[in-house]
Amino acid sequence: MASANEARPAAVPDEMVAAVLLRPFEVRLERRPTPRPRVDEVLIKVMAVGVCGSDVHYYEHGKIGRYIVDRPLVLGHECAGVVAAVGADVTRFAPGDRVAVEPGMTCGRCSACKSGRYNLCPDVRFLATPPVDGAFAQYVAIREDFVFPIPEGVSFERAAMNEPFSVGLHAVRRAGLKTGDTVAILGMGPVGLLAVVAAKACGAARVFVSDVEPRRLDAALKLGAELAVHAGNEDAAEAIRRATGGEGADVSIETAGNPRALRSALLATRRGGAVAVVGLPPEGRVELDVSYLVDNEIDVRGVFRYANTYPLGLSLLADPARKIEALFTDVFPLEETAAALERARANKSGSLKVFVYPNGGTGS
């Protein structure tokens, strides 16, 4: 196996193309040196990258909270591809292997990492989070322990979707979902839609959802939701309570990042139930009815990314019965990354998941 200091295999070019965000609404293609994998890293030829809501937010606003794009940044973190080269100490992979990437590389030494909650590592290096470049590039180098083999028959697109699917899996775990529970999910963006799949896969008996976009509600029903509430036309919490005989859902998951959706999630939850909060509202502070929360003893649990989900997620997505291809609506080559980001930003009523293909093709 080649080390970081040895010559690259002939198949790996010295230079690659990357799509670089310079400032809000301005993306430029650049030629850059192809990364050299360190001794514990895998060099991956990126085949498919999903456009995430965070990518769109950086593209539109140049920042998310304390993370500010103050220098050119490569976006994209929902990715999968083919191993192109490996470092000297890599033992689990070889060139040609098809792999999915868990994009947050943690230190492995802090108390959060040692306790198994490595998503809370203060020193995480997460792709496409300033100042770390992401995967809208032909190649990325990733530490071996954050690379996972793609099961046979699983496409690059499905494997890339293990990233947002992992958010749904982690939310289900944080909420304490038990087999036979009823689940309400508020917000049917890609994470919310994949949370439907996660809830069903983890034993939910009934799933109720809400959103304001009809196409997203239709997609949720196809993925296994029993009830889809148009939140612009009907009170979501009231509709969910009616569907549960007045009791409310055992577990609610808020993915919309909308104060109204968060309030609905609380009101849709039964006494003694739990609410998992995934979405980030435009303003960090929102009003909550604390007396309602206390009187009903509702557990409220934050959800930050995920931990220990990738192997399970890939195995679940290997089941063709989970027809997540219904979410794949738009495809763009790397040269049109700006158009892909704009499509995801401006076409929320029509686009569910937008993909970029850094090395051509449409995945496989």
Protein backbone atom coordinates (compact mmCIF):
# COMPACT_ATOMS: atom_id res chain seq x y z
CA MET A 1 0.00 0.00 0.00
CA ALA A 2 1.25 3.48 -0.87
CA SER A 3 2.22 5.86 1.96
CA ALA A 4 1.66 9.60 2.02
CA ASN A 5 5.24 10.17 0.90
CA GLU A 6 5.22 7.74 -2.01
CA ALA A 7 4.21 8.57 -5.55
CA ARG A 8 0.53 8.36 -6.33
CA PRO A 9 -0.77 5.58 -8.52
CA ALA A 10 -0.91 6.64 -12.14
CA ALA A 11 -4.71 6.68 -12.05
CA VAL A 12 -4.73 9.54 -9.52
CA PRO A 13 -4.02 12.92 -11.15
CA ASP A 14 -1.74 15.50 -9.58
CA GLU A 15 -4.51 18.09 -9.84
CA MET A 16 -8.27 17.97 -9.40
CA VAL A 17 -11.23 20.30 -9.89
CA ALA A 18 -13.19 21.68 -6.93
CA ALA A 19 -16.23 23.98 -6.74
CA VAL A 20 -15.34 26.77 -4.31
CA LEU A 21 -17.70 29.17 -2.52
CA LEU A 22 -16.02 32.58 -2.56
CA ARG A 23 -18.84 34.58 -0.99
CA PRO A 24 -22.65 34.28 -0.85
CA PHE A 25 -24.08 33.32 -4.26
CA GLU A 26 -20.63 33.11 -5.87
CA VAL A 27 -19.15 29.69 -6.66
CA ARG A 28 -16.09 29.22 -8.87
CA LEU A 29 -14.37 26.14 -10.28
CA GLU A 30 -10.71 25.88 -9.31
CA ARG A 31 -7.88 23.50 -10.07
CA ARG A 32 -6.20 22.35 -6.86
CA PRO A 33 -3.56 19.78 -5.94
CA THR A 34 -5.13 16.38 -5.37
CA PRO A 35 -4.91 15.58 -1.63
CA ARG A 36 -2.23 13.13 -0.55
CA PRO A 37 -3.58 10.66 2.01
CA ARG A 38 -1.73 10.62 5.32
CA VAL A 39 -0.67 7.27 6.76
CA ASP A 40 -4.11 6.70 8.35
CA GLU A 41 -6.20 8.18 5.53
CA VAL A 42 -8.07 6.95 2.47
CA LEU A 43 -8.13 9.01 -0.72
CA ILE A 44 -11.61 8.82 -2.23
CA LYS A 45 -12.69 9.59 -5.77
CA VAL A 46 -16.02 11.28 -5.07
CA MET A 47 -18.87 9.90 -7.16
CA ALA A 48 -22.01 11.45 -5.64
CA VAL A 49 -22.67 14.29 -3.22
CA GLY A 50 -26.05 15.36 -1.89
CA VAL A 51 -26.75 19.07 -1.44
CA CYS A 52 -27.58 19.60 2.24
CA GLY A 53 -29.57 22.42 3.80
CA SER A 54 -26.36 23.60 5.48
CA ASP A 55 -24.67 23.89 2.07
CA VAL A 56 -27.55 26.05 0.89
CA HIS A 57 -27.36 28.18 4.03
CA TYR A 58 -23.64 28.83 3.56
CA TYR A 59 -24.25 29.55 -0.13
CA GLU A 60 -27.01 32.04 0.68
CA HIS A 61 -25.80 33.65 3.91
CA GLY A 62 -22.10 32.86 4.22
CA LYS A 63 -22.46 31.60 7.78
CA ILE A 64 -24.35 29.34 10.16
CA GLY A 65 -24.21 30.58 13.73
CA ARG A 66 -20.58 30.88 14.80
CA TYR A 67 -19.33 29.16 11.62
CA ILE A 68 -18.44 31.90 9.13
CA VAL A 69 -17.11 31.53 5.59
CA ASP A 70 -14.23 33.99 5.88
CA ARG A 71 -12.09 32.37 3.16
CA PRO A 72 -12.90 30.32 0.02
CA LEU A 73 -14.63 27.09 1.05
CA VAL A 74 -15.55 23.84 -0.72
CA LEU A 75 -19.05 22.80 0.35
CA GLY A 76 -20.64 19.32 0.33
CA HIS A 77 -20.49 16.58 2.97
CA GLU A 78 -23.12 13.94 2.03
CA CYS A 79 -20.80 11.83 -0.10
CA ALA A 80 -19.75 8.44 -1.38
CA GLY A 81 -17.17 7.22 -3.86
CA VAL A 82 -14.35 4.83 -4.73
CA VAL A 83 -11.05 4.40 -2.92
CA ALA A 84 -8.28 5.75 -5.14
CA ALA A 85 -5.29 5.36 -2.79
CA VAL A 86 -4.56 4.54 0.85
CA GLY A 87 -1.99 5.56 3.46
CA ALA A 88 0.64 3.16 4.78
CA ASP A 89 -1.23 2.26 7.97
CA VAL A 90 -4.62 1.65 6.34
CA THR A 91 -5.70 -1.99 6.64
CA ARG A 92 -9.45 -2.06 5.95
CA PHE A 93 -9.56 -0.65 2.42
CA ALA A 94 -7.83 -0.98 -0.93
CA PRO A 95 -8.08 0.97 -4.20
CA GLY A 96 -11.31 0.17 -5.99
CA ASP A 97 -13.45 -0.30 -2.87
CA ARG A 98 -16.81 1.48 -2.91
CA VAL A 99 -17.23 3.52 0.27
CA ALA A 100 -19.46 5.95 2.16
CA VAL A 101 -17.98 8.82 4.17
CA GLU A 102 -18.92 9.85 7.68
CA PRO A 103 -17.89 13.51 7.34
CA GLY A 104 -17.08 14.44 10.95
CA MET A 105 -13.57 13.36 12.00
CA THR A 106 -13.20 13.56 15.77
CA CYS A 107 -10.18 13.50 18.08
CA GLY A 108 -10.91 10.14 19.75
CA ARG A 109 -9.31 11.33 23.01
CA CYS A 110 -11.73 13.74 24.72
CA SER A 111 -14.40 12.74 27.24
CA ALA A 112 -17.15 12.96 24.59
CA CYS A 113 -15.31 10.61 22.24
CA LYS A 114 -14.43 8.17 25.02
CA SER A 115 -18.03 8.03 26.23
CA GLY A 116 -19.30 7.18 22.75
CA ARG A 117 -20.86 10.60 22.13
CA TYR A 118 -18.17 11.64 19.70
CA ASN A 119 -20.58 13.93 17.83
CA LEU A 120 -19.98 16.33 20.75
CA CYS A 121 -16.19 16.33 20.31
CA PRO A 122 -14.98 19.94 20.56
CA ASP A 123 -12.20 19.27 18.05
CA VAL A 124 -14.26 17.67 15.30
CA ARG A 125 -13.25 18.46 11.72
CA PHE A 126 -16.49 18.29 9.74
CA LEU A 127 -16.46 18.49 5.96
CA ALA A 128 -17.86 21.74 4.55
CA THR A 129 -17.90 23.44 7.96
CA PRO A 130 -15.47 26.39 8.01
CA PRO A 131 -12.53 26.13 7.80
CA VAL A 132 -12.68 22.50 6.57
CA ASP A 133 -13.20 21.96 2.85
CA GLY A 134 -15.88 19.53 1.73
CA ALA A 135 -16.70 17.12 -1.07
CA PHE A 136 -17.76 19.24 -4.06
CA ALA A 137 -14.38 18.17 -5.41
CA GLN A 138 -13.09 15.23 -7.40
CA TYR A 139 -11.13 13.77 -4.46
CA VAL A 140 -11.19 13.95 -0.65
CA ALA A 141 -8.87 12.39 1.93
CA ILE A 142 -10.63 10.91 4.97
CA ARG A 143 -9.32 9.11 8.04
CA GLU A 144 -9.86 5.37 7.69
CA ASP A 145 -12.09 5.03 10.75
CA PHE A 146 -14.65 7.37 9.19
CA VAL A 147 -14.93 5.39 5.94
CA PHE A 148 -17.40 2.52 5.52
CA PRO A 149 -17.88 -0.11 2.81
CA ILE A 150 -20.99 0.23 0.70
CA PRO A 151 -23.08 -2.97 0.74
CA GLU A 152 -23.41 -4.82 -2.54
CA GLY A 153 -26.22 -3.45 -4.70
CA VAL A 154 -26.37 -0.07 -2.92
CA SER A 155 -25.89 2.93 -5.22
CA PHE A 156 -23.54 5.81 -4.49
CA GLU A 157 -26.62 8.03 -4.05
CA ARG A 158 -28.13 5.73 -1.42
CA ALA A 159 -24.78 5.51 0.35
CA ALA A 160 -24.42 9.30 0.36
CA MET A 161 -27.90 9.55 1.89
CA ASN A 162 -26.66 7.63 4.91
CA GLU A 163 -25.48 11.00 6.21
CA PRO A 164 -28.91 12.67 6.54
CA PHE A 165 -30.43 9.25 7.35
CA SER A 166 -28.02 9.09 10.29
CA VAL A 167 -29.49 12.32 11.64
CA GLY A 168 -32.91 10.65 11.61
CA LEU A 169 -31.55 7.52 13.29
CA HIS A 170 -29.84 9.58 15.97
CA ALA A 171 -33.03 11.62 16.55
CA VAL A 172 -35.04 8.41 16.98
CA ARG A 173 -32.51 7.15 19.51
CA ARG A 174 -32.36 10.44 21.39
CA ALA A 175 -36.15 10.47 21.65
CA GLY A 176 -36.15 6.97 23.10
CA LEU A 177 -38.41 5.45 20.45
CA LYS A 178 -39.72 2.01 21.41
CA THR A 179 -41.27 -0.66 19.21
CA GLY A 180 -44.94 0.12 18.71
CA ASP A 181 -44.65 3.85 19.44
CA THR A 182 -46.45 6.53 17.48
CA VAL A 183 -44.19 9.23 16.04
CA ALA A 184 -44.89 12.77 14.84
CA ILE A 185 -42.32 14.40 12.57
CA LEU A 186 -42.64 18.13 11.91
CA GLY A 187 -40.82 19.28 8.74
CA MET A 188 -40.44 17.18 5.61
CA GLY A 189 -37.16 18.31 4.17
CA PRO A 190 -34.71 15.51 3.32
CA VAL A 191 -33.81 14.96 7.00
CA GLY A 192 -37.48 14.81 7.99
CA LEU A 193 -38.30 12.44 5.15
CA LEU A 194 -35.43 10.15 6.05
CA ALA A 195 -36.52 10.37 9.70
CA VAL A 196 -39.77 8.75 8.52
CA VAL A 197 -37.70 5.86 7.15
CA ALA A 198 -35.63 5.72 10.36
CA ALA A 199 -38.70 5.69 12.61
CA LYS A 200 -40.33 2.88 10.64
CA ALA A 201 -37.08 0.91 10.55
CA CYS A 202 -36.73 1.24 14.34
CA GLY A 203 -40.19 -0.07 15.11
CA ALA A 204 -42.61 2.85 14.99
CA ALA A 205 -46.16 1.58 14.54
CA ARG A 206 -47.57 4.82 13.16
CA VAL A 207 -45.88 7.94 11.76
CA PHE A 208 -47.61 11.31 11.34
CA VAL A 209 -45.96 14.20 9.50
CA SER A 210 -46.52 17.86 8.69
CA ASP A 211 -45.13 20.38 6.23
CA VAL A 212 -46.37 23.15 3.94
CA GLU A 213 -45.17 21.63 0.65
CA PRO A 214 -47.55 19.12 -0.97
CA ARG A 215 -44.76 17.27 -2.82
CA ARG A 216 -42.91 16.63 0.43
CA LEU A 217 -46.08 15.40 2.12
CA ASP A 218 -46.72 13.02 -0.78
CA ALA A 219 -43.15 11.71 -0.50
CA ALA A 220 -43.62 11.10 3.22
CA LEU A 221 -46.71 8.99 2.57
CA LYS A 222 -44.78 6.92 0.02
CA LEU A 223 -42.05 6.34 2.61
CA GLY A 224 -44.50 5.00 5.19
CA ALA A 225 -46.21 7.91 6.94
CA GLU A 226 -49.85 7.25 7.83
CA LEU A 227 -51.04 10.85 8.06
CA ALA A 228 -49.65 13.93 6.28
CA VAL A 229 -50.88 17.31 7.54
CA HIS A 230 -50.54 20.48 5.45
CA ALA A 231 -49.47 22.87 8.20
CA GLY A 232 -50.56 25.87 6.16
CA ASN A 233 -54.15 24.65 6.03
CA GLU A 234 -54.59 22.81 9.31
CA ASP A 235 -53.24 22.85 12.86
CA ALA A 236 -50.71 20.01 12.87
CA ALA A 237 -50.84 19.34 16.61
CA GLU A 238 -54.64 19.16 16.63
CA ALA A 239 -54.67 16.80 13.64
CA ILE A 240 -52.13 14.50 15.25
CA ARG A 241 -54.02 14.48 18.54
CA ARG A 242 -57.21 13.56 16.72
CA ALA A 243 -55.41 10.71 14.96
CA THR A 244 -54.22 9.37 18.33
CA GLY A 245 -57.58 9.54 20.11
CA GLY A 246 -56.66 12.77 21.85
CA GLU A 247 -53.50 11.43 23.49
CA GLY A 248 -50.78 12.72 21.17
CA ALA A 249 -47.71 10.98 19.80
CA ASP A 250 -45.31 9.05 22.02
CA VAL A 251 -42.38 10.75 20.31
CA SER A 252 -42.16 13.94 18.24
CA ILE A 253 -39.22 15.00 16.08
CA GLU A 254 -38.87 18.61 14.90
CA THR A 255 -36.71 19.01 11.78
CA ALA A 256 -38.09 22.21 10.25
CA GLY A 257 -36.08 24.76 12.22
CA ASN A 258 -39.27 26.75 12.61
CA PRO A 259 -40.60 28.10 15.95
CA ARG A 260 -44.16 27.27 14.96
CA ALA A 261 -43.18 23.69 14.14
CA LEU A 262 -41.40 23.37 17.50
CA ARG A 263 -44.50 24.53 19.36
CA SER A 264 -46.58 22.08 17.32
CA ALA A 265 -44.17 19.28 18.19
CA LEU A 266 -44.64 19.94 21.91
CA LEU A 267 -48.42 20.16 21.62
CA ALA A 268 -48.57 17.01 19.49
CA THR A 269 -46.74 14.96 22.16
CA ARG A 270 -48.57 12.93 24.79
CA ARG A 271 -48.06 13.43 28.51
CA GLY A 272 -44.78 11.83 29.49
CA GLY A 273 -43.58 11.72 25.88
CA ALA A 274 -40.40 13.08 24.33
CA VAL A 275 -39.51 15.70 21.73
CA ALA A 276 -36.25 15.53 19.77
CA VAL A 277 -35.19 18.89 18.31
CA VAL A 278 -33.15 18.69 15.11
CA GLY A 279 -33.99 21.92 13.26
CA LEU A 280 -32.19 25.19 13.89
CA PRO A 281 -34.47 28.27 13.74
CA PRO A 282 -33.18 31.53 12.20
CA GLU A 283 -32.97 32.99 15.70
CA GLY A 284 -31.60 30.79 18.45
CA ARG A 285 -34.14 31.92 21.05
CA VAL A 286 -37.79 30.91 20.71
CA GLU A 287 -40.75 31.15 23.05
CA LEU A 288 -41.93 27.94 24.68
CA ASP A 289 -44.82 27.27 27.05
CA VAL A 290 -42.76 26.06 29.97
CA SER A 291 -45.81 25.45 32.17
CA TYR A 292 -47.20 23.10 29.49
CA LEU A 293 -43.87 21.32 29.20
CA VAL A 294 -43.59 20.86 32.98
CA ASP A 295 -47.23 19.96 33.58
CA ASN A 296 -47.03 17.23 30.94
CA GLU A 297 -43.52 16.11 31.91
CA ILE A 298 -42.31 16.15 28.32
CA ASP A 299 -38.64 15.40 27.73
CA VAL A 300 -36.97 17.78 25.27
CA ARG A 301 -33.72 16.50 23.78
CA GLY A 302 -31.38 18.25 21.41
CA VAL A 303 -30.00 16.37 18.42
CA PHE A 304 -26.56 17.32 17.11
CA ARG A 305 -25.57 15.36 14.03
CA TYR A 306 -25.14 11.68 15.02
CA ALA A 307 -22.81 9.08 16.49
CA ASN A 308 -22.39 5.34 15.90
CA THR A 309 -25.00 5.21 13.14
CA TYR A 310 -23.12 4.54 9.90
CA PRO A 311 -22.93 0.73 9.84
CA LEU A 312 -26.58 0.39 10.89
CA GLY A 313 -27.69 3.06 8.44
CA LEU A 314 -25.96 1.43 5.49
CA SER A 315 -27.40 -1.97 6.36
CA LEU A 316 -30.91 -0.51 6.57
CA LEU A 317 -30.54 1.38 3.29
CA ALA A 318 -29.40 -1.84 1.62
CA ASP A 319 -33.02 -3.00 1.79
CA PRO A 320 -34.56 -2.10 -1.60
CA ALA A 321 -37.99 -1.96 0.05
CA ARG A 322 -36.94 1.41 1.49
CA LYS A 323 -37.58 3.29 -1.73
CA ILE A 324 -35.66 6.49 -1.00
CA GLU A 325 -34.99 7.01 -4.72
CA ALA A 326 -38.30 8.90 -4.72
CA LEU A 327 -36.34 11.71 -3.04
CA PHE A 328 -33.74 12.03 -5.83
CA THR A 329 -35.10 14.87 -7.95
CA ASP A 330 -32.18 16.80 -9.48
CA VAL A 331 -28.71 15.95 -10.81
CA PHE A 332 -25.83 18.25 -11.77
CA PRO A 333 -22.20 17.80 -12.85
CA LEU A 334 -19.49 19.41 -10.73
CA GLU A 335 -19.21 22.22 -13.28
CA GLU A 336 -22.78 23.23 -12.39
CA THR A 337 -22.45 23.18 -8.60
CA ALA A 338 -23.64 26.79 -8.38
CA ALA A 339 -26.79 25.85 -10.29
CA ALA A 340 -27.30 22.85 -7.99
CA LEU A 341 -27.11 25.05 -4.90
CA GLU A 342 -29.45 27.61 -6.44
CA ARG A 343 -31.87 24.86 -7.41
CA ALA A 344 -31.97 23.56 -3.85
CA ARG A 345 -32.37 27.08 -2.49
CA ALA A 346 -35.06 28.36 -4.83
CA ASN A 347 -37.13 25.28 -5.65
CA LYS A 348 -38.25 23.97 -2.26
CA SER A 349 -41.67 23.15 -3.67
CA GLY A 350 -40.23 20.86 -6.33
CA SER A 351 -36.75 19.67 -5.35
CA LEU A 352 -36.28 17.11 -2.58
CA LYS A 353 -32.67 15.97 -2.92
CA VAL A 354 -30.24 17.56 -5.36
CA PHE A 355 -27.07 15.63 -6.29
CA VAL A 356 -23.71 16.76 -7.66
CA TYR A 357 -21.43 14.30 -9.50
CA PRO A 358 -17.79 15.43 -9.19
CA ASN A 359 -16.45 12.75 -11.53
CA GLY A 360 -19.22 12.59 -14.10
CA GLY A 361 -21.92 9.99 -14.57
CA THR A 362 -25.01 9.69 -12.41
CA GLY A 363 -23.79 7.27 -9.76
CA SER A 364 -24.25 3.52 -9.66
